[in-house]
Amino acid sequence: MMTRIHLLFALLLALCGTVVAVLLTAEPPGGHGVPHTEFHAMLQGSPTLASSRIVFLGWLFGVLQILVFITCISLGISRFRPPRGETAEPSLARGWLYALFGAGSLSFLAVFTQVVWTDRLAMLHGTVTYLGPFPAATSWMLFGLWAAPLLFSVAYVFGFSRWIVTDAGLARFEAIVVGKQQASETP
């Protein structure tokens, strides 16, 4: 059975494999910044296009980082087991938490993919399309990529005391702390 820890390990191995693939990829000639024509102290982007392999590896690296992030924040939820003597909440009551995490995961991955895609289109066509006041890829990054993880925050705010640290679990923890304090105070 694949647990979240096994998934995290597999993702980290895939991330390492992606880094190795990046390091083994040949750099395109003239792929570095070139001196700006007007401002000599500044560099501007190279006219050389990044290869599809480089763009794909960059996208894959970002997707794997997002999946590692999502897996890490879901570790506490995936290990939930009700204490002995207590009944578990109905699966429907826990379902909306998983729905929020699923929606957050999909939106995070979709917006990141959109950032890479719009940036790649701008590079291929040589024209920059604007979405609001900024280039499209920048707008997606500024207004979409920061908002996607908010669904995780909403899930934690509304579900923390019910699914992460329950009132019964907190009471047991406080009883353990009091017992340890009393044991350390008595000679």
C-alpha atoms as a PDB file:
ATOM      1  CA  MET A   1       0.000   0.000   0.000  1.00  0.00           C
ATOM      2  CA  MET A   2       1.323   3.431  -0.972  1.00  0.00           C
ATOM      3  CA  THR A   3       1.204   5.800   1.972  1.00  0.00           C
ATOM      4  CA  ARG A   4       1.727   9.556   1.884  1.00  0.00           C
ATOM      5  CA  ILE A   5       5.313   9.075   3.070  1.00  0.00           C
ATOM      6  CA  HIS A   6       5.997   6.703   0.168  1.00  0.00           C
ATOM      7  CA  LEU A   7       4.411   9.221  -2.209  1.00  0.00           C
ATOM      8  CA  LEU A   8       6.587  11.987  -0.772  1.00  0.00           C
ATOM      9  CA  PHE A   9       9.687   9.831  -1.227  1.00  0.00           C
ATOM     10  CA  ALA A  10       8.720   9.037  -4.830  1.00  0.00           C
ATOM     11  CA  LEU A  11       8.122  12.729  -5.553  1.00  0.00           C
ATOM     12  CA  LEU A  12      11.486  13.669  -4.080  1.00  0.00           C
ATOM     13  CA  LEU A  13      13.196  11.003  -6.198  1.00  0.00           C
ATOM     14  CA  ALA A  14      11.412  12.355  -9.285  1.00  0.00           C
ATOM     15  CA  LEU A  15      12.526  15.860  -8.312  1.00  0.00           C
ATOM     16  CA  CYS A  16      16.133  14.659  -8.058  1.00  0.00           C
ATOM     17  CA  GLY A  17      15.808  12.936 -11.433  1.00  0.00           C
ATOM     18  CA  THR A  18      14.510  16.163 -12.952  1.00  0.00           C
ATOM     19  CA  VAL A  19      17.465  18.109 -11.559  1.00  0.00           C
ATOM     20  CA  VAL A  20      19.857  15.539 -13.029  1.00  0.00           C
ATOM     21  CA  ALA A  21      18.081  15.811 -16.405  1.00  0.00           C
ATOM     22  CA  VAL A  22      18.399  19.609 -16.259  1.00  0.00           C
ATOM     23  CA  LEU A  23      22.088  19.380 -15.455  1.00  0.00           C
ATOM     24  CA  LEU A  24      22.638  16.983 -18.371  1.00  0.00           C
ATOM     25  CA  THR A  25      20.740  19.173 -20.855  1.00  0.00           C
ATOM     26  CA  ALA A  26      22.938  21.149 -23.221  1.00  0.00           C
ATOM     27  CA  GLU A  27      22.639  24.885 -22.903  1.00  0.00           C
ATOM     28  CA  PRO A  28      21.573  26.676 -26.099  1.00  0.00           C
ATOM     29  CA  PRO A  29      24.283  28.902 -27.548  1.00  0.00           C
ATOM     30  CA  GLY A  30      23.763  32.539 -26.635  1.00  0.00           C
ATOM     31  CA  GLY A  31      21.182  31.635 -24.007  1.00  0.00           C
ATOM     32  CA  HIS A  32      22.430  34.127 -21.429  1.00  0.00           C
ATOM     33  CA  GLY A  33      21.484  37.768 -21.035  1.00  0.00           C
ATOM     34  CA  VAL A  34      22.962  40.277 -23.449  1.00  0.00           C
ATOM     35  CA  PRO A  35      23.821  43.938 -22.800  1.00  0.00           C
ATOM     36  CA  HIS A  36      20.854  46.271 -23.089  1.00  0.00           C
ATOM     37  CA  THR A  37      21.061  48.650 -26.051  1.00  0.00           C
ATOM     38  CA  GLU A  38      19.928  51.712 -24.113  1.00  0.00           C
ATOM     39  CA  PHE A  39      20.970  51.024 -20.516  1.00  0.00           C
ATOM     40  CA  HIS A  40      24.502  49.662 -20.615  1.00  0.00           C
ATOM     41  CA  ALA A  41      24.641  48.630 -16.948  1.00  0.00           C
ATOM     42  CA  MET A  42      21.654  46.313 -17.451  1.00  0.00           C
ATOM     43  CA  LEU A  43      21.285  42.983 -19.220  1.00  0.00           C
ATOM     44  CA  GLN A  44      18.258  41.991 -21.265  1.00  0.00           C
ATOM     45  CA  GLY A  45      16.943  38.591 -22.222  1.00  0.00           C
ATOM     46  CA  SER A  46      18.689  36.640 -24.925  1.00  0.00           C
ATOM     47  CA  PRO A  47      17.101  36.471 -28.370  1.00  0.00           C
ATOM     48  CA  THR A  48      17.790  32.712 -28.305  1.00  0.00           C
ATOM     49  CA  LEU A  49      14.647  30.702 -27.516  1.00  0.00           C
ATOM     50  CA  ALA A  50      14.778  28.037 -24.842  1.00  0.00           C
ATOM     51  CA  SER A  51      14.283  24.578 -26.273  1.00  0.00           C
ATOM     52  CA  SER A  52      11.080  22.663 -25.650  1.00  0.00           C
ATOM     53  CA  ARG A  53      13.071  20.250 -23.476  1.00  0.00           C
ATOM     54  CA  ILE A  54      14.241  23.049 -21.191  1.00  0.00           C
ATOM     55  CA  VAL A  55      10.720  24.465 -20.896  1.00  0.00           C
ATOM     56  CA  PHE A  56       9.299  21.001 -20.195  1.00  0.00           C
ATOM     57  CA  LEU A  57      11.915  20.259 -17.534  1.00  0.00           C
ATOM     58  CA  GLY A  58      11.250  23.635 -15.899  1.00  0.00           C
ATOM     59  CA  TRP A  59       7.510  22.948 -15.906  1.00  0.00           C
ATOM     60  CA  LEU A  60       8.067  19.431 -14.528  1.00  0.00           C
ATOM     61  CA  PHE A  61      10.330  20.769 -11.765  1.00  0.00           C
ATOM     62  CA  GLY A  62       7.647  23.287 -10.739  1.00  0.00           C
ATOM     63  CA  VAL A  63       4.852  20.690 -10.828  1.00  0.00           C
ATOM     64  CA  LEU A  64       6.877  18.283  -8.692  1.00  0.00           C
ATOM     65  CA  GLN A  65       7.583  21.058  -6.165  1.00  0.00           C
ATOM     66  CA  ILE A  66       3.868  21.836  -5.961  1.00  0.00           C
ATOM     67  CA  LEU A  67       3.053  18.143  -5.462  1.00  0.00           C
ATOM     68  CA  VAL A  68       5.662  17.875  -2.691  1.00  0.00           C
ATOM     69  CA  PHE A  69       4.117  20.939  -1.027  1.00  0.00           C
ATOM     70  CA  ILE A  70       0.597  19.499  -1.281  1.00  0.00           C
ATOM     71  CA  THR A  71       1.712  16.107   0.018  1.00  0.00           C
ATOM     72  CA  CYS A  72       3.466  17.686   2.995  1.00  0.00           C
ATOM     73  CA  ILE A  73       0.463  19.749   4.050  1.00  0.00           C
ATOM     74  CA  SER A  74      -1.849  16.764   3.715  1.00  0.00           C
ATOM     75  CA  LEU A  75       0.225  14.482   5.980  1.00  0.00           C
ATOM     76  CA  GLY A  76      -1.663  15.398   9.147  1.00  0.00           C
ATOM     77  CA  ILE A  77      -5.046  14.849   7.584  1.00  0.00           C
ATOM     78  CA  SER A  78      -4.251  11.541   5.953  1.00  0.00           C
ATOM     79  CA  ARG A  79      -3.234   9.973   9.277  1.00  0.00           C
ATOM     80  CA  PHE A  80      -6.445  10.859  11.124  1.00  0.00           C
ATOM     81  CA  ARG A  81      -7.805   8.043  13.247  1.00  0.00           C
ATOM     82  CA  PRO A  82     -10.412   8.592  15.922  1.00  0.00           C
ATOM     83  CA  PRO A  83      -9.263   7.859  19.486  1.00  0.00           C
ATOM     84  CA  ARG A  84     -10.344   4.574  21.021  1.00  0.00           C
ATOM     85  CA  GLY A  85     -13.903   4.654  22.203  1.00  0.00           C
ATOM     86  CA  GLU A  86     -14.880   7.468  19.803  1.00  0.00           C
ATOM     87  CA  THR A  87     -16.696   7.037  16.547  1.00  0.00           C
ATOM     88  CA  ALA A  88     -15.310   8.517  13.385  1.00  0.00           C
ATOM     89  CA  GLU A  89     -17.110  11.345  11.668  1.00  0.00           C
ATOM     90  CA  PRO A  90     -19.171  10.307   8.680  1.00  0.00           C
ATOM     91  CA  SER A  91     -17.154  10.265   5.491  1.00  0.00           C
ATOM     92  CA  LEU A  92     -19.475  12.901   4.012  1.00  0.00           C
ATOM     93  CA  ALA A  93     -18.531  15.322   6.786  1.00  0.00           C
ATOM     94  CA  ARG A  94     -14.833  14.822   5.971  1.00  0.00           C
ATOM     95  CA  GLY A  95     -15.491  14.896   2.228  1.00  0.00           C
ATOM     96  CA  TRP A  96     -15.574  18.666   1.889  1.00  0.00           C
ATOM     97  CA  LEU A  97     -12.071  18.883   3.368  1.00  0.00           C
ATOM     98  CA  TYR A  98     -10.760  16.540   0.698  1.00  0.00           C
ATOM     99  CA  ALA A  99     -12.754  18.472  -1.912  1.00  0.00           C
ATOM    100  CA  LEU A 100     -11.065  21.716  -0.825  1.00  0.00           C
ATOM    101  CA  PHE A 101      -7.636  20.077  -0.992  1.00  0.00           C
ATOM    102  CA  GLY A 102      -8.439  18.587  -4.374  1.00  0.00           C
ATOM    103  CA  ALA A 103      -9.694  21.922  -5.725  1.00  0.00           C
ATOM    104  CA  GLY A 104      -6.663  23.705  -4.276  1.00  0.00           C
ATOM    105  CA  SER A 105      -4.307  21.149  -5.810  1.00  0.00           C
ATOM    106  CA  LEU A 106      -5.913  21.305  -9.238  1.00  0.00           C
ATOM    107  CA  SER A 107      -6.092  25.098  -9.262  1.00  0.00           C
ATOM    108  CA  PHE A 108      -2.469  25.408  -8.110  1.00  0.00           C
ATOM    109  CA  LEU A 109      -1.268  23.044 -10.856  1.00  0.00           C
ATOM    110  CA  ALA A 110      -3.536  24.595 -13.512  1.00  0.00           C
ATOM    111  CA  VAL A 111      -2.441  28.159 -12.787  1.00  0.00           C
ATOM    112  CA  PHE A 112       1.248  27.180 -12.748  1.00  0.00           C
ATOM    113  CA  THR A 113       0.778  25.396 -16.079  1.00  0.00           C
ATOM    114  CA  GLN A 114      -0.964  28.497 -17.437  1.00  0.00           C
ATOM    115  CA  VAL A 115       1.976  30.684 -16.361  1.00  0.00           C
ATOM    116  CA  VAL A 116       4.447  28.437 -18.192  1.00  0.00           C
ATOM    117  CA  TRP A 117       2.186  28.098 -21.237  1.00  0.00           C
ATOM    118  CA  THR A 118       1.561  31.830 -21.695  1.00  0.00           C
ATOM    119  CA  ASP A 119       5.243  32.591 -21.200  1.00  0.00           C
ATOM    120  CA  ARG A 120       6.180  29.974 -23.793  1.00  0.00           C
ATOM    121  CA  LEU A 121       3.645  31.366 -26.283  1.00  0.00           C
ATOM    122  CA  ALA A 122       5.058  34.854 -25.812  1.00  0.00           C
ATOM    123  CA  MET A 123       8.560  33.498 -26.495  1.00  0.00           C
ATOM    124  CA  LEU A 124       7.490  31.572 -29.601  1.00  0.00           C
ATOM    125  CA  HIS A 125       5.426  34.343 -31.191  1.00  0.00           C
ATOM    126  CA  GLY A 126       7.669  37.198 -30.143  1.00  0.00           C
ATOM    127  CA  THR A 127       4.688  39.286 -29.092  1.00  0.00           C
ATOM    128  CA  VAL A 128       3.549  39.931 -25.555  1.00  0.00           C
ATOM    129  CA  THR A 129      -0.164  39.767 -24.815  1.00  0.00           C
ATOM    130  CA  TYR A 130      -1.434  41.673 -21.837  1.00  0.00           C
ATOM    131  CA  LEU A 131      -3.908  40.470 -19.272  1.00  0.00           C
ATOM    132  CA  GLY A 132      -4.765  43.483 -17.180  1.00  0.00           C
ATOM    133  CA  PRO A 133      -1.852  45.826 -16.532  1.00  0.00           C
ATOM    134  CA  PHE A 134       0.864  43.178 -16.955  1.00  0.00           C
ATOM    135  CA  PRO A 135       1.983  40.615 -19.520  1.00  0.00           C
ATOM    136  CA  ALA A 136      -0.264  37.553 -19.416  1.00  0.00           C
ATOM    137  CA  ALA A 137       2.230  35.219 -17.714  1.00  0.00           C
ATOM    138  CA  THR A 138       3.006  37.838 -15.067  1.00  0.00           C
ATOM    139  CA  SER A 139      -0.699  38.473 -14.428  1.00  0.00           C
ATOM    140  CA  TRP A 140      -1.351  34.752 -14.030  1.00  0.00           C
ATOM    141  CA  MET A 141       1.540  34.524 -11.591  1.00  0.00           C
ATOM    142  CA  LEU A 142       0.581  37.609  -9.553  1.00  0.00           C
ATOM    143  CA  PHE A 143      -3.182  37.178  -9.449  1.00  0.00           C
ATOM    144  CA  GLY A 144      -3.590  33.416  -9.806  1.00  0.00           C
ATOM    145  CA  LEU A 145      -0.597  31.658  -8.335  1.00  0.00           C
ATOM    146  CA  TRP A 146      -0.804  33.417  -4.973  1.00  0.00           C
ATOM    147  CA  ALA A 147      -4.553  32.746  -4.682  1.00  0.00           C
ATOM    148  CA  ALA A 148      -4.519  29.003  -5.412  1.00  0.00           C
ATOM    149  CA  PRO A 149      -3.116  27.949  -1.998  1.00  0.00           C
ATOM    150  CA  LEU A 150      -5.848  29.940  -0.224  1.00  0.00           C
ATOM    151  CA  LEU A 151      -8.114  26.890  -0.539  1.00  0.00           C
ATOM    152  CA  PHE A 152      -5.658  24.991   1.664  1.00  0.00           C
ATOM    153  CA  SER A 153      -5.823  27.778   4.235  1.00  0.00           C
ATOM    154  CA  VAL A 154      -9.628  27.735   4.192  1.00  0.00           C
ATOM    155  CA  ALA A 155      -9.621  23.967   4.737  1.00  0.00           C
ATOM    156  CA  TYR A 156      -7.257  24.307   7.696  1.00  0.00           C
ATOM    157  CA  VAL A 157      -9.161  27.219   9.257  1.00  0.00           C
ATOM    158  CA  PHE A 158     -12.539  25.484   9.130  1.00  0.00           C
ATOM    159  CA  GLY A 159     -11.377  21.908   9.643  1.00  0.00           C
ATOM    160  CA  PHE A 160      -8.471  22.207  12.060  1.00  0.00           C
ATOM    161  CA  SER A 161     -10.346  21.607  15.319  1.00  0.00           C
ATOM    162  CA  ARG A 162     -12.396  18.814  13.781  1.00  0.00           C
ATOM    163  CA  TRP A 163      -9.839  16.886  11.737  1.00  0.00           C
ATOM    164  CA  ILE A 164      -6.328  17.920  12.700  1.00  0.00           C
ATOM    165  CA  VAL A 165      -6.400  18.451  16.478  1.00  0.00           C
ATOM    166  CA  THR A 166      -9.764  17.414  17.898  1.00  0.00           C
ATOM    167  CA  ASP A 167     -11.057  18.661  21.232  1.00  0.00           C
ATOM    168  CA  ALA A 168     -10.741  15.143  22.649  1.00  0.00           C
ATOM    169  CA  GLY A 169      -7.167  14.852  21.361  1.00  0.00           C
ATOM    170  CA  LEU A 170      -6.277  18.248  22.822  1.00  0.00           C
ATOM    171  CA  ALA A 171      -7.757  17.259  26.192  1.00  0.00           C
ATOM    172  CA  ARG A 172      -5.700  14.043  26.179  1.00  0.00           C
ATOM    173  CA  PHE A 173      -2.556  16.028  25.316  1.00  0.00           C
ATOM    174  CA  GLU A 174      -3.187  18.512  28.136  1.00  0.00           C
ATOM    175  CA  ALA A 175      -3.732  15.626  30.572  1.00  0.00           C
ATOM    176  CA  ILE A 176      -0.405  14.102  29.522  1.00  0.00           C
ATOM    177  CA  VAL A 177       1.347  17.460  30.001  1.00  0.00           C
ATOM    178  CA  VAL A 178      -0.178  17.905  33.478  1.00  0.00           C
ATOM    179  CA  GLY A 179       0.842  14.339  34.396  1.00  0.00           C
ATOM    180  CA  LYS A 180       4.419  14.952  33.244  1.00  0.00           C
ATOM    181  CA  GLN A 181       4.585  18.245  35.128  1.00  0.00           C
ATOM    182  CA  GLN A 182       3.342  16.630  38.321  1.00  0.00           C
ATOM    183  CA  ALA A 183       5.792  13.752  37.913  1.00  0.00           C
ATOM    184  CA  SER A 184       8.711  16.164  37.500  1.00  0.00           C
ATOM    185  CA  GLU A 185       7.667  18.273  40.532  1.00  0.00           C
ATOM    186  CA  THR A 186       7.502  15.337  42.962  1.00  0.00           C
ATOM    187  CA  PRO A 187      10.919  14.229  44.265  1.00  0.00           C
END
